[in-house]
Amino acid sequence: MTTHNVHWGTILSTIAALASTGAAVAAWLAAKRSNATAEAVARIERDRWQADLTPQFDITLTESSHGQGLLNVHLNGPDHLRHLDEVIIAVGNNDMDHTLTHPEPNVTQEDYDNFVWGPFRFRPHVNGTDEHGRSPEPFPLVIGTGRPLAMDRTDRGHWMTGTSQEAWQLQNAGESIRLELTCRRGDEEWVIARRLDNPPAATRT
């Protein structure tokens, strides 16, 4: 009788232990699901908050004489953004593939990569711009203020021996000026793409 009682007692204890373990596992899974849900909600809220703070720019290009232009980058809003610690602006290429398929002595793939394949570039060595005219040095902006940046019409590549400067610009007559702005405030970052119309030939003096 004692042996029988011990046997059933052991079984009942085992069942109770398993039930306790099962309850603990269920609680752990529930907590994990709850944490995952909370993290997902927090992530959605962060994304929404960041989207609400997306910088709003007014960007204009005014061309004067001899192919010189002035790009004005004005930070319009949103008001609760207040400021940007850093704006990095770069001019992009057209949609063509610029892989050098037939290497020649006077041109390399590096030349192709450095060249701005489009109608305008930033003026080299002005506003901290690199020698290729791709991007000026980063700058901060406060809501309601702007930054003027010098630009020039791109010169034909030194390897384009059979193409005149006028012919090169005619090739770009229908191309827009492509800009990419990387904006940072604290740990937040926004990457914004913009296109500007290429001023028509009739406006050039």
N, C-alpha and C. Protein backbone atom coordinates (compact mmCIF):
# COMPACT_ATOMS: atom_id res chain seq x y z
N MET A 1 0.84 -1.20 0.00
CA MET A 1 0.00 0.00 0.00
C MET A 1 0.87 1.25 0.00
N THR A 2 1.91 1.22 0.75
CA THR A 2 2.82 2.35 0.83
C THR A 2 3.52 2.57 -0.51
N THR A 3 3.92 1.43 -1.11
CA THR A 3 4.57 1.51 -2.43
C THR A 3 3.64 2.10 -3.45
N HIS A 4 2.35 1.68 -3.41
CA HIS A 4 1.35 2.18 -4.34
C HIS A 4 1.16 3.70 -4.17
N ASN A 5 1.10 4.16 -2.89
CA ASN A 5 0.94 5.59 -2.62
C ASN A 5 2.13 6.40 -3.12
N VAL A 6 3.34 5.83 -2.90
CA VAL A 6 4.54 6.52 -3.36
C VAL A 6 4.54 6.64 -4.88
N HIS A 7 4.11 5.56 -5.55
CA HIS A 7 4.09 5.53 -7.01
C HIS A 7 3.17 6.63 -7.55
N TRP A 8 1.96 6.69 -7.02
CA TRP A 8 1.02 7.72 -7.48
C TRP A 8 1.46 9.12 -7.06
N GLY A 9 2.08 9.22 -5.92
CA GLY A 9 2.58 10.52 -5.49
C GLY A 9 3.63 11.06 -6.44
N THR A 10 4.51 10.13 -6.88
CA THR A 10 5.56 10.52 -7.84
C THR A 10 4.95 10.98 -9.15
N ILE A 11 3.94 10.25 -9.60
CA ILE A 11 3.27 10.61 -10.86
C ILE A 11 2.62 11.98 -10.75
N LEU A 12 1.89 12.18 -9.61
CA LEU A 12 1.22 13.47 -9.43
C LEU A 12 2.23 14.62 -9.34
N SER A 13 3.35 14.36 -8.69
CA SER A 13 4.38 15.39 -8.60
C SER A 13 4.96 15.73 -9.96
N THR A 14 5.16 14.68 -10.77
CA THR A 14 5.70 14.88 -12.12
C THR A 14 4.73 15.68 -12.97
N ILE A 15 3.44 15.31 -12.85
CA ILE A 15 2.42 16.04 -13.61
C ILE A 15 2.38 17.51 -13.20
N ALA A 16 2.45 17.73 -11.90
CA ALA A 16 2.43 19.11 -11.40
C ALA A 16 3.64 19.89 -11.90
N ALA A 17 4.81 19.22 -11.91
CA ALA A 17 6.03 19.88 -12.39
C ALA A 17 5.92 20.22 -13.87
N LEU A 18 5.38 19.26 -14.64
CA LEU A 18 5.21 19.50 -16.07
C LEU A 18 4.23 20.64 -16.33
N ALA A 19 3.16 20.64 -15.52
CA ALA A 19 2.17 21.71 -15.67
C ALA A 19 2.79 23.06 -15.33
N SER A 20 3.61 23.07 -14.30
CA SER A 20 4.27 24.32 -13.92
C SER A 20 5.23 24.79 -15.00
N THR A 21 5.98 23.81 -15.55
CA THR A 21 6.91 24.13 -16.64
C THR A 21 6.17 24.65 -17.86
N GLY A 22 5.05 23.97 -18.18
CA GLY A 22 4.24 24.40 -19.32
C GLY A 22 3.71 25.80 -19.13
N ALA A 23 3.27 26.08 -17.90
CA ALA A 23 2.76 27.43 -17.62
C ALA A 23 3.88 28.46 -17.75
N ALA A 24 5.08 28.10 -17.30
CA ALA A 24 6.21 29.02 -17.40
C ALA A 24 6.58 29.28 -18.86
N VAL A 25 6.57 28.20 -19.65
CA VAL A 25 6.88 28.34 -21.07
C VAL A 25 5.83 29.21 -21.76
N ALA A 26 4.55 28.94 -21.41
CA ALA A 26 3.47 29.73 -22.00
C ALA A 26 3.62 31.21 -21.62
N ALA A 27 3.98 31.46 -20.38
CA ALA A 27 4.16 32.84 -19.94
C ALA A 27 5.34 33.49 -20.66
N TRP A 28 6.40 32.72 -20.86
CA TRP A 28 7.58 33.23 -21.56
C TRP A 28 7.24 33.56 -23.01
N LEU A 29 6.49 32.65 -23.67
CA LEU A 29 6.09 32.89 -25.05
C LEU A 29 5.18 34.12 -25.16
N ALA A 30 4.26 34.23 -24.18
CA ALA A 30 3.36 35.38 -24.19
C ALA A 30 4.14 36.68 -24.00
N ALA A 31 5.12 36.64 -23.09
CA ALA A 31 5.94 37.83 -22.86
C ALA A 31 6.76 38.17 -24.10
N LYS A 32 7.27 37.12 -24.75
CA LYS A 32 8.06 37.34 -25.97
C LYS A 32 7.20 37.96 -27.06
N ARG A 33 5.97 37.41 -27.22
CA ARG A 33 5.07 37.98 -28.21
C ARG A 33 4.71 39.42 -27.87
N SER A 34 4.51 39.67 -26.60
CA SER A 34 4.18 41.01 -26.16
C SER A 34 5.33 41.98 -26.44
N ASN A 35 6.55 41.53 -26.14
CA ASN A 35 7.72 42.37 -26.39
C ASN A 35 7.89 42.64 -27.88
N ALA A 36 7.67 41.57 -28.69
CA ALA A 36 7.79 41.74 -30.14
C ALA A 36 6.75 42.72 -30.65
N THR A 37 5.54 42.62 -30.11
CA THR A 37 4.48 43.54 -30.52
C THR A 37 4.82 44.97 -30.12
N ALA A 38 5.33 45.12 -28.90
CA ALA A 38 5.71 46.45 -28.42
C ALA A 38 6.83 47.04 -29.27
N GLU A 39 7.80 46.20 -29.63
CA GLU A 39 8.90 46.67 -30.46
C GLU A 39 8.41 47.06 -31.85
N ALA A 40 7.47 46.26 -32.41
CA ALA A 40 6.94 46.57 -33.73
C ALA A 40 6.17 47.89 -33.70
N VAL A 41 5.38 48.08 -32.64
CA VAL A 41 4.62 49.32 -32.51
C VAL A 41 5.57 50.51 -32.36
N ALA A 42 6.61 50.32 -31.54
CA ALA A 42 7.59 51.39 -31.34
C ALA A 42 8.32 51.72 -32.64
N ARG A 43 8.64 50.67 -33.42
CA ARG A 43 9.32 50.88 -34.69
C ARG A 43 8.42 51.65 -35.67
N ILE A 44 7.15 51.28 -35.70
CA ILE A 44 6.19 51.98 -36.56
C ILE A 44 6.08 53.44 -36.16
N GLU A 45 6.04 53.68 -34.86
CA GLU A 45 5.94 55.05 -34.36
C GLU A 45 7.20 55.85 -34.70
N ARG A 46 8.37 55.20 -34.58
CA ARG A 46 9.62 55.88 -34.93
C ARG A 46 9.64 56.23 -36.41
N ASP A 47 9.21 55.25 -37.25
CA ASP A 47 9.19 55.49 -38.69
C ASP A 47 8.22 56.61 -39.04
N ARG A 48 7.06 56.61 -38.39
CA ARG A 48 6.07 57.65 -38.65
C ARG A 48 6.61 59.02 -38.21
N TRP A 49 7.25 59.03 -37.05
CA TRP A 49 7.83 60.27 -36.54
C TRP A 49 8.90 60.78 -37.48
N GLN A 50 9.75 59.87 -37.98
CA GLN A 50 10.80 60.29 -38.90
C GLN A 50 10.20 60.78 -40.22
N ALA A 51 9.16 60.09 -40.70
CA ALA A 51 8.50 60.53 -41.93
C ALA A 51 7.89 61.91 -41.76
N ASP A 52 7.30 62.16 -40.59
CA ASP A 52 6.71 63.48 -40.34
C ASP A 52 7.76 64.58 -40.34
N LEU A 53 9.00 64.22 -40.02
CA LEU A 53 10.08 65.21 -39.96
C LEU A 53 10.89 65.30 -41.25
N THR A 54 10.45 64.60 -42.30
CA THR A 54 11.20 64.64 -43.56
C THR A 54 11.42 66.08 -44.02
N PRO A 55 12.67 66.48 -44.22
CA PRO A 55 12.95 67.87 -44.62
C PRO A 55 12.26 68.24 -45.93
N GLN A 56 11.77 69.46 -45.98
CA GLN A 56 11.10 69.99 -47.17
C GLN A 56 11.96 71.12 -47.73
N PHE A 57 12.37 70.95 -48.99
CA PHE A 57 13.28 71.90 -49.61
C PHE A 57 12.64 72.63 -50.78
N ASP A 58 13.07 73.86 -50.97
CA ASP A 58 12.81 74.60 -52.19
C ASP A 58 14.17 74.78 -52.85
N ILE A 59 14.37 74.14 -54.01
CA ILE A 59 15.67 74.16 -54.67
C ILE A 59 15.51 74.78 -56.05
N THR A 60 16.26 75.84 -56.31
CA THR A 60 16.19 76.53 -57.60
C THR A 60 17.58 76.71 -58.18
N LEU A 61 17.63 76.68 -59.51
CA LEU A 61 18.89 76.89 -60.22
C LEU A 61 18.71 78.08 -61.16
N THR A 62 19.56 79.08 -60.98
CA THR A 62 19.54 80.26 -61.84
C THR A 62 20.84 80.31 -62.62
N GLU A 63 20.74 80.36 -63.93
CA GLU A 63 21.94 80.41 -64.77
C GLU A 63 22.19 81.84 -65.20
N SER A 64 23.44 82.26 -65.10
CA SER A 64 23.81 83.60 -65.54
C SER A 64 24.48 83.49 -66.90
N SER A 65 25.68 83.96 -67.02
CA SER A 65 26.38 83.92 -68.31
C SER A 65 27.50 82.90 -68.29
N HIS A 66 27.93 82.53 -69.50
CA HIS A 66 29.07 81.64 -69.68
C HIS A 66 28.88 80.30 -68.97
N GLY A 67 27.64 79.83 -68.91
CA GLY A 67 27.38 78.52 -68.32
C GLY A 67 27.50 78.46 -66.82
N GLN A 68 27.54 79.60 -66.16
CA GLN A 68 27.63 79.61 -64.70
C GLN A 68 26.24 79.65 -64.08
N GLY A 69 26.06 78.91 -62.99
CA GLY A 69 24.76 78.86 -62.34
C GLY A 69 24.88 78.99 -60.84
N LEU A 70 23.75 79.34 -60.22
CA LEU A 70 23.70 79.44 -58.76
C LEU A 70 22.54 78.59 -58.27
N LEU A 71 22.87 77.59 -57.49
CA LEU A 71 21.86 76.71 -56.90
C LEU A 71 21.55 77.19 -55.50
N ASN A 72 20.26 77.45 -55.23
CA ASN A 72 19.88 77.85 -53.88
C ASN A 72 19.08 76.73 -53.23
N VAL A 73 19.58 76.25 -52.11
CA VAL A 73 18.94 75.17 -51.36
C VAL A 73 18.32 75.78 -50.11
N HIS A 74 16.99 75.84 -50.09
CA HIS A 74 16.27 76.50 -49.00
C HIS A 74 15.47 75.46 -48.21
N LEU A 75 15.68 75.44 -46.90
CA LEU A 75 14.97 74.49 -46.03
C LEU A 75 13.66 75.14 -45.56
N ASN A 76 12.55 74.65 -46.10
CA ASN A 76 11.24 75.24 -45.80
C ASN A 76 10.57 74.67 -44.55
N GLY A 77 10.79 73.43 -44.26
CA GLY A 77 10.06 72.82 -43.14
C GLY A 77 10.43 71.35 -42.98
N PRO A 78 9.65 70.64 -42.16
CA PRO A 78 8.53 71.12 -41.35
C PRO A 78 9.03 71.93 -40.15
N ASP A 79 8.16 72.77 -39.59
CA ASP A 79 8.59 73.68 -38.53
C ASP A 79 9.18 72.94 -37.32
N HIS A 80 8.59 71.75 -36.98
CA HIS A 80 9.06 71.05 -35.78
C HIS A 80 10.39 70.33 -36.02
N LEU A 81 10.89 70.35 -37.27
CA LEU A 81 12.24 69.83 -37.51
C LEU A 81 13.29 70.78 -36.94
N ARG A 82 13.03 72.09 -37.08
CA ARG A 82 13.85 73.17 -36.55
C ARG A 82 15.18 73.37 -37.27
N HIS A 83 15.97 72.31 -37.42
CA HIS A 83 17.26 72.49 -38.07
C HIS A 83 17.79 71.14 -38.53
N LEU A 84 18.80 71.19 -39.36
CA LEU A 84 19.56 70.01 -39.77
C LEU A 84 21.01 70.23 -39.40
N ASP A 85 21.60 69.21 -38.78
CA ASP A 85 23.02 69.31 -38.42
C ASP A 85 23.92 69.28 -39.64
N GLU A 86 23.46 68.55 -40.67
CA GLU A 86 24.32 68.36 -41.84
C GLU A 86 23.48 68.07 -43.07
N VAL A 87 23.81 68.75 -44.15
CA VAL A 87 23.21 68.46 -45.45
C VAL A 87 24.35 68.14 -46.41
N ILE A 88 24.29 66.97 -46.99
CA ILE A 88 25.26 66.57 -48.01
C ILE A 88 24.50 66.50 -49.33
N ILE A 89 24.91 67.29 -50.30
CA ILE A 89 24.22 67.33 -51.59
C ILE A 89 25.19 66.93 -52.69
N ALA A 90 24.74 66.03 -53.54
CA ALA A 90 25.59 65.54 -54.62
C ALA A 90 24.81 65.55 -55.93
N VAL A 91 25.50 65.84 -57.02
CA VAL A 91 24.86 65.81 -58.33
C VAL A 91 25.08 64.43 -58.93
N GLY A 92 24.02 63.89 -59.52
CA GLY A 92 24.07 62.53 -60.04
C GLY A 92 24.22 62.47 -61.56
N ASN A 93 24.34 61.24 -62.07
CA ASN A 93 24.49 61.00 -63.51
C ASN A 93 23.14 60.73 -64.16
N ASN A 94 23.15 60.71 -65.48
CA ASN A 94 21.96 60.27 -66.21
C ASN A 94 21.80 58.75 -66.10
N ASP A 95 20.81 58.21 -66.77
CA ASP A 95 20.49 56.79 -66.60
C ASP A 95 21.33 55.86 -67.47
N MET A 96 22.23 56.38 -68.24
CA MET A 96 23.04 55.54 -69.12
C MET A 96 24.05 54.73 -68.31
N ASP A 97 24.47 53.62 -68.89
CA ASP A 97 25.53 52.80 -68.29
C ASP A 97 26.88 53.41 -68.67
N HIS A 98 27.65 53.79 -67.67
CA HIS A 98 28.93 54.45 -67.94
C HIS A 98 30.10 53.52 -67.61
N THR A 99 30.02 52.34 -68.17
CA THR A 99 31.13 51.39 -68.06
C THR A 99 32.00 51.51 -69.30
N LEU A 100 33.27 51.65 -69.09
CA LEU A 100 34.21 51.78 -70.20
C LEU A 100 34.41 50.41 -70.83
N THR A 101 33.83 50.20 -71.98
CA THR A 101 33.89 48.88 -72.62
C THR A 101 35.10 48.72 -73.54
N HIS A 102 35.63 49.83 -74.03
CA HIS A 102 36.79 49.77 -74.93
C HIS A 102 37.89 50.68 -74.38
N PRO A 103 38.73 50.14 -73.49
CA PRO A 103 39.79 50.96 -72.89
C PRO A 103 40.70 51.59 -73.95
N GLU A 104 41.06 52.84 -73.69
CA GLU A 104 41.95 53.55 -74.59
C GLU A 104 43.08 54.17 -73.76
N PRO A 105 44.19 54.53 -74.40
CA PRO A 105 45.33 55.08 -73.65
C PRO A 105 45.01 56.36 -72.88
N ASN A 106 44.07 57.16 -73.39
CA ASN A 106 43.83 58.47 -72.77
C ASN A 106 42.62 58.51 -71.85
N VAL A 107 42.02 57.37 -71.55
CA VAL A 107 40.84 57.36 -70.67
C VAL A 107 40.77 56.04 -69.90
N THR A 108 40.35 56.13 -68.65
CA THR A 108 40.21 54.96 -67.79
C THR A 108 38.81 54.91 -67.20
N GLN A 109 38.48 53.80 -66.57
CA GLN A 109 37.18 53.70 -65.90
C GLN A 109 37.08 54.72 -64.77
N GLU A 110 38.21 55.02 -64.15
CA GLU A 110 38.21 56.04 -63.10
C GLU A 110 37.80 57.40 -63.65
N ASP A 111 38.25 57.71 -64.87
CA ASP A 111 37.83 58.96 -65.53
C ASP A 111 36.31 58.97 -65.69
N TYR A 112 35.76 57.85 -66.12
CA TYR A 112 34.31 57.73 -66.31
C TYR A 112 33.58 57.89 -64.98
N ASP A 113 34.12 57.26 -63.94
CA ASP A 113 33.46 57.30 -62.63
C ASP A 113 33.48 58.71 -62.04
N ASN A 114 34.55 59.44 -62.27
CA ASN A 114 34.67 60.78 -61.70
C ASN A 114 33.88 61.83 -62.48
N PHE A 115 33.62 61.55 -63.74
CA PHE A 115 32.96 62.51 -64.62
C PHE A 115 31.47 62.64 -64.26
N VAL A 116 30.95 63.87 -64.27
CA VAL A 116 29.52 64.09 -64.04
C VAL A 116 28.81 64.00 -65.38
N TRP A 117 28.05 62.92 -65.56
CA TRP A 117 27.34 62.69 -66.81
C TRP A 117 25.98 63.38 -66.74
N GLY A 118 25.99 64.66 -66.99
CA GLY A 118 24.78 65.46 -66.93
C GLY A 118 25.10 66.89 -67.29
N PRO A 119 24.10 67.77 -67.32
CA PRO A 119 24.32 69.14 -67.80
C PRO A 119 25.06 70.06 -66.85
N PHE A 120 24.95 69.82 -65.54
CA PHE A 120 25.57 70.71 -64.56
C PHE A 120 26.37 69.93 -63.53
N ARG A 121 27.40 70.56 -63.00
CA ARG A 121 28.15 70.05 -61.86
C ARG A 121 28.39 71.22 -60.90
N PHE A 122 28.76 70.91 -59.68
CA PHE A 122 29.15 71.96 -58.74
C PHE A 122 30.53 72.49 -59.16
N ARG A 123 30.74 73.77 -58.90
CA ARG A 123 32.00 74.38 -59.33
C ARG A 123 33.15 73.85 -58.48
N PRO A 124 34.12 73.20 -59.09
CA PRO A 124 35.24 72.62 -58.34
C PRO A 124 35.97 73.65 -57.49
N HIS A 125 36.31 73.24 -56.27
CA HIS A 125 37.10 74.05 -55.33
C HIS A 125 36.36 75.27 -54.79
N VAL A 126 35.05 75.37 -55.04
CA VAL A 126 34.23 76.44 -54.47
C VAL A 126 33.23 75.80 -53.51
N ASN A 127 33.02 76.41 -52.34
CA ASN A 127 32.16 75.82 -51.30
C ASN A 127 32.68 74.46 -50.84
N GLY A 128 33.99 74.29 -50.94
CA GLY A 128 34.58 73.02 -50.52
C GLY A 128 34.29 71.87 -51.46
N THR A 129 33.92 72.18 -52.71
CA THR A 129 33.59 71.14 -53.68
C THR A 129 34.85 70.38 -54.12
N ASP A 130 34.69 69.08 -54.35
CA ASP A 130 35.80 68.26 -54.81
C ASP A 130 36.19 68.67 -56.23
N GLU A 131 37.31 68.18 -56.70
CA GLU A 131 37.85 68.61 -57.99
C GLU A 131 37.00 68.17 -59.17
N HIS A 132 36.13 67.19 -58.97
CA HIS A 132 35.31 66.68 -60.07
C HIS A 132 33.93 67.36 -60.13
N GLY A 133 33.61 68.17 -59.12
CA GLY A 133 32.34 68.87 -59.14
C GLY A 133 31.16 68.04 -58.71
N ARG A 134 31.42 66.94 -58.02
CA ARG A 134 30.33 66.04 -57.62
C ARG A 134 29.57 66.56 -56.42
N SER A 135 30.28 67.08 -55.41
CA SER A 135 29.59 67.46 -54.17
C SER A 135 30.40 68.51 -53.40
N PRO A 136 29.73 69.56 -52.89
CA PRO A 136 30.40 70.51 -52.00
C PRO A 136 30.51 69.93 -50.60
N GLU A 137 31.20 70.64 -49.71
CA GLU A 137 31.32 70.15 -48.35
C GLU A 137 29.97 70.24 -47.63
N PRO A 138 29.72 69.36 -46.66
CA PRO A 138 28.45 69.38 -45.92
C PRO A 138 28.25 70.71 -45.20
N PHE A 139 26.99 71.05 -44.98
CA PHE A 139 26.66 72.31 -44.30
C PHE A 139 25.39 72.13 -43.48
N PRO A 140 25.24 72.89 -42.38
CA PRO A 140 24.02 72.85 -41.58
C PRO A 140 22.99 73.83 -42.15
N LEU A 141 21.73 73.61 -41.79
CA LEU A 141 20.67 74.54 -42.19
C LEU A 141 19.65 74.66 -41.07
N VAL A 142 19.13 75.86 -40.90
CA VAL A 142 18.05 76.13 -39.97
C VAL A 142 16.78 76.38 -40.78
N ILE A 143 15.63 75.95 -40.24
CA ILE A 143 14.37 76.16 -40.94
C ILE A 143 14.23 77.63 -41.35
N GLY A 144 13.85 77.83 -42.61
CA GLY A 144 13.65 79.20 -43.10
C GLY A 144 14.88 79.83 -43.70
N THR A 145 15.99 79.09 -43.75
CA THR A 145 17.23 79.63 -44.33
C THR A 145 17.68 78.77 -45.50
N GLY A 146 18.61 79.31 -46.28
CA GLY A 146 19.11 78.58 -47.44
C GLY A 146 20.60 78.69 -47.59
N ARG A 147 21.11 78.00 -48.58
CA ARG A 147 22.55 78.05 -48.87
C ARG A 147 22.74 78.13 -50.39
N PRO A 148 23.40 79.20 -50.88
CA PRO A 148 23.71 79.29 -52.31
C PRO A 148 24.96 78.49 -52.64
N LEU A 149 24.92 77.77 -53.74
CA LEU A 149 26.04 76.93 -54.17
C LEU A 149 26.31 77.16 -55.64
N ALA A 150 27.58 77.37 -55.96
CA ALA A 150 27.97 77.64 -57.35
C ALA A 150 27.96 76.36 -58.17
N MET A 151 27.39 76.46 -59.39
CA MET A 151 27.40 75.34 -60.33
C MET A 151 27.86 75.85 -61.69
N ASP A 152 28.31 74.94 -62.52
CA ASP A 152 28.73 75.25 -63.89
C ASP A 152 28.19 74.18 -64.82
N ARG A 153 28.01 74.54 -66.07
CA ARG A 153 27.71 73.51 -67.06
C ARG A 153 28.94 72.61 -67.22
N THR A 154 28.69 71.34 -67.34
CA THR A 154 29.81 70.39 -67.43
C THR A 154 30.57 70.58 -68.74
N ASP A 155 31.88 70.48 -68.64
CA ASP A 155 32.71 70.46 -69.84
C ASP A 155 32.75 69.04 -70.40
N ARG A 156 32.93 68.92 -71.67
CA ARG A 156 33.06 67.59 -72.26
C ARG A 156 34.29 66.89 -71.67
N GLY A 157 34.26 65.59 -71.61
CA GLY A 157 35.39 64.84 -71.10
C GLY A 157 36.61 65.01 -71.98
N HIS A 158 37.78 64.99 -71.37
CA HIS A 158 39.01 65.24 -72.13
C HIS A 158 39.23 64.21 -73.23
N TRP A 159 38.56 63.05 -73.12
CA TRP A 159 38.69 61.99 -74.10
C TRP A 159 37.72 62.16 -75.28
N MET A 160 36.77 63.10 -75.17
CA MET A 160 35.75 63.29 -76.21
C MET A 160 36.31 64.17 -77.32
N THR A 161 37.34 63.68 -77.98
CA THR A 161 38.06 64.49 -78.97
C THR A 161 37.21 64.78 -80.20
N GLY A 162 36.24 63.96 -80.48
CA GLY A 162 35.41 64.19 -81.66
C GLY A 162 34.13 64.95 -81.37
N THR A 163 34.00 65.45 -80.15
CA THR A 163 32.78 66.16 -79.73
C THR A 163 33.14 67.56 -79.25
N SER A 164 32.46 68.56 -79.78
CA SER A 164 32.69 69.94 -79.33
C SER A 164 31.93 70.18 -78.03
N GLN A 165 32.28 71.29 -77.36
CA GLN A 165 31.58 71.64 -76.13
C GLN A 165 30.10 71.91 -76.41
N GLU A 166 29.82 72.57 -77.53
CA GLU A 166 28.44 72.86 -77.90
C GLU A 166 27.67 71.56 -78.16
N ALA A 167 28.31 70.63 -78.86
CA ALA A 167 27.66 69.36 -79.15
C ALA A 167 27.40 68.57 -77.86
N TRP A 168 28.35 68.64 -76.92
CA TRP A 168 28.17 67.94 -75.65
C TRP A 168 26.97 68.51 -74.89
N GLN A 169 26.84 69.83 -74.87
CA GLN A 169 25.71 70.43 -74.18
C GLN A 169 24.39 70.13 -74.89
N LEU A 170 24.42 70.05 -76.21
CA LEU A 170 23.21 69.68 -76.94
C LEU A 170 22.77 68.27 -76.60
N GLN A 171 23.73 67.39 -76.37
CA GLN A 171 23.39 66.02 -75.95
C GLN A 171 22.66 66.02 -74.62
N ASN A 172 22.95 67.02 -73.78
CA ASN A 172 22.36 67.09 -72.45
C ASN A 172 21.14 68.01 -72.38
N ALA A 173 20.71 68.51 -73.52
CA ALA A 173 19.63 69.50 -73.53
C ALA A 173 18.35 68.96 -72.88
N GLY A 174 18.08 67.69 -73.05
CA GLY A 174 16.86 67.12 -72.48
C GLY A 174 17.06 66.47 -71.12
N GLU A 175 18.27 66.56 -70.57
CA GLU A 175 18.56 65.91 -69.29
C GLU A 175 18.30 66.87 -68.13
N SER A 176 17.69 66.35 -67.09
CA SER A 176 17.48 67.14 -65.89
C SER A 176 18.72 67.10 -65.00
N ILE A 177 18.81 68.04 -64.06
CA ILE A 177 19.89 68.03 -63.08
C ILE A 177 19.43 67.18 -61.90
N ARG A 178 20.14 66.13 -61.63
CA ARG A 178 19.75 65.17 -60.60
C ARG A 178 20.54 65.42 -59.33
N LEU A 179 19.83 65.56 -58.24
CA LEU A 179 20.47 65.85 -56.96
C LEU A 179 20.04 64.83 -55.92
N GLU A 180 20.96 64.47 -55.07
CA GLU A 180 20.66 63.63 -53.91
C GLU A 180 21.10 64.34 -52.65
N LEU A 181 20.16 64.52 -51.72
CA LEU A 181 20.46 65.20 -50.47
C LEU A 181 20.39 64.20 -49.33
N THR A 182 21.48 64.09 -48.59
CA THR A 182 21.51 63.28 -47.37
C THR A 182 21.49 64.25 -46.20
N CYS A 183 20.42 64.17 -45.40
CA CYS A 183 20.20 65.12 -44.32
C CYS A 183 20.28 64.39 -42.98
N ARG A 184 20.96 65.00 -42.03
CA ARG A 184 21.12 64.38 -40.72
C ARG A 184 20.80 65.38 -39.60
N ARG A 185 20.11 64.87 -38.61
CA ARG A 185 19.90 65.61 -37.36
C ARG A 185 20.00 64.61 -36.23
N GLY A 186 21.05 64.73 -35.42
CA GLY A 186 21.30 63.73 -34.40
C GLY A 186 21.53 62.38 -35.05
N ASP A 187 20.79 61.35 -34.59
CA ASP A 187 20.92 60.01 -35.16
C ASP A 187 19.99 59.77 -36.34
N GLU A 188 19.15 60.75 -36.66
CA GLU A 188 18.19 60.58 -37.74
C GLU A 188 18.83 60.95 -39.08
N GLU A 189 18.43 60.21 -40.13
CA GLU A 189 18.95 60.48 -41.47
C GLU A 189 17.84 60.36 -42.49
N TRP A 190 17.84 61.28 -43.45
CA TRP A 190 16.90 61.25 -44.57
C TRP A 190 17.70 61.37 -45.86
N VAL A 191 17.34 60.56 -46.85
CA VAL A 191 17.96 60.65 -48.18
C VAL A 191 16.86 61.04 -49.16
N ILE A 192 17.05 62.18 -49.82
CA ILE A 192 16.01 62.78 -50.65
C ILE A 192 16.57 63.00 -52.06
N ALA A 193 15.84 62.55 -53.06
CA ALA A 193 16.24 62.75 -54.46
C ALA A 193 15.38 63.84 -55.09
N ARG A 194 16.02 64.70 -55.85
CA ARG A 194 15.31 65.78 -56.53
C ARG A 194 15.84 65.91 -57.97
N ARG A 195 14.96 66.42 -58.85
CA ARG A 195 15.35 66.72 -60.23
C ARG A 195 14.99 68.16 -60.54
N LEU A 196 15.90 68.84 -61.23
CA LEU A 196 15.65 70.21 -61.68
C LEU A 196 15.70 70.24 -63.20
N ASP A 197 14.85 71.06 -63.78
CA ASP A 197 14.87 71.21 -65.23
C ASP A 197 16.16 71.87 -65.68
N ASN A 198 16.66 71.39 -66.80
CA ASN A 198 17.82 71.99 -67.42
C ASN A 198 17.37 73.28 -68.10
N PRO A 199 17.94 74.44 -67.71
CA PRO A 199 17.52 75.69 -68.35
C PRO A 199 17.62 75.61 -69.86
N PRO A 200 16.61 76.02 -70.59
CA PRO A 200 16.63 75.93 -72.06
C PRO A 200 17.70 76.83 -72.67
N ALA A 201 18.10 76.48 -73.88
CA ALA A 201 19.17 77.22 -74.56
C ALA A 201 18.82 78.69 -74.72
N ALA A 202 17.55 78.99 -74.83
CA ALA A 202 17.15 80.39 -75.08
C ALA A 202 17.49 81.30 -73.91
N THR A 203 17.68 80.73 -72.71
CA THR A 203 17.95 81.55 -71.53
C THR A 203 19.44 81.79 -71.33
N ARG A 204 20.28 81.15 -72.12
CA ARG A 204 21.71 81.28 -71.94
C ARG A 204 22.23 82.52 -72.65
N THR A 205 23.16 83.18 -71.98
CA THR A 205 23.75 84.37 -72.58
C THR A 205 25.26 84.25 -72.66
